[in-house]
């Protein structure tokens, strides 16, 4: 990985690949904290505030390395959901002062994501069209974009959505 980019194990993981056995509780259901937590150090430059302060080539490198990491870990039998996200600020316990993000690989799909996928399927069955394709079409036709859509360089048919403003 070039430019100082590193993807490393989280020093304070909430999930691990081989969690310790759990003790049964008399009332609560418990599950092993199986998963993986990684830190993506996008640059060693402490003077930068966020990933958008990097050059385009460096941002493409970050996204490419995230895609490689996803391909590597999603082959594990326990891995079901890959979450790459950013958090900033001491208020939420961030311990690194330079641009970084986190990767959580979960053994389940979060309920909100499951609901969104069920709604997309329902839309398809009712309208005979892909909901996400429709969203892209509406966004592009209106030219009043409220979403960022990113085609990943290593997987051009995959698109990520992120809200960038509230109306």
Foldseek 3Di string as FASTA:
>chain_A
DPQAKDKAFDPDDQADQDFDDDDDDPPDDDDGRHWGKIKIQLHPDLPDQEPVVDDPVSNLVSLVVLVVVCVVPCVDPQFDDKDKAADDDPVVPDDDRHYMIMIIGGSDDDPVVVVVVVVQVVCCVVVVDGPVVVVVVVQVVVVPHQWDWDQRPVHRVDIDIDGDDDD
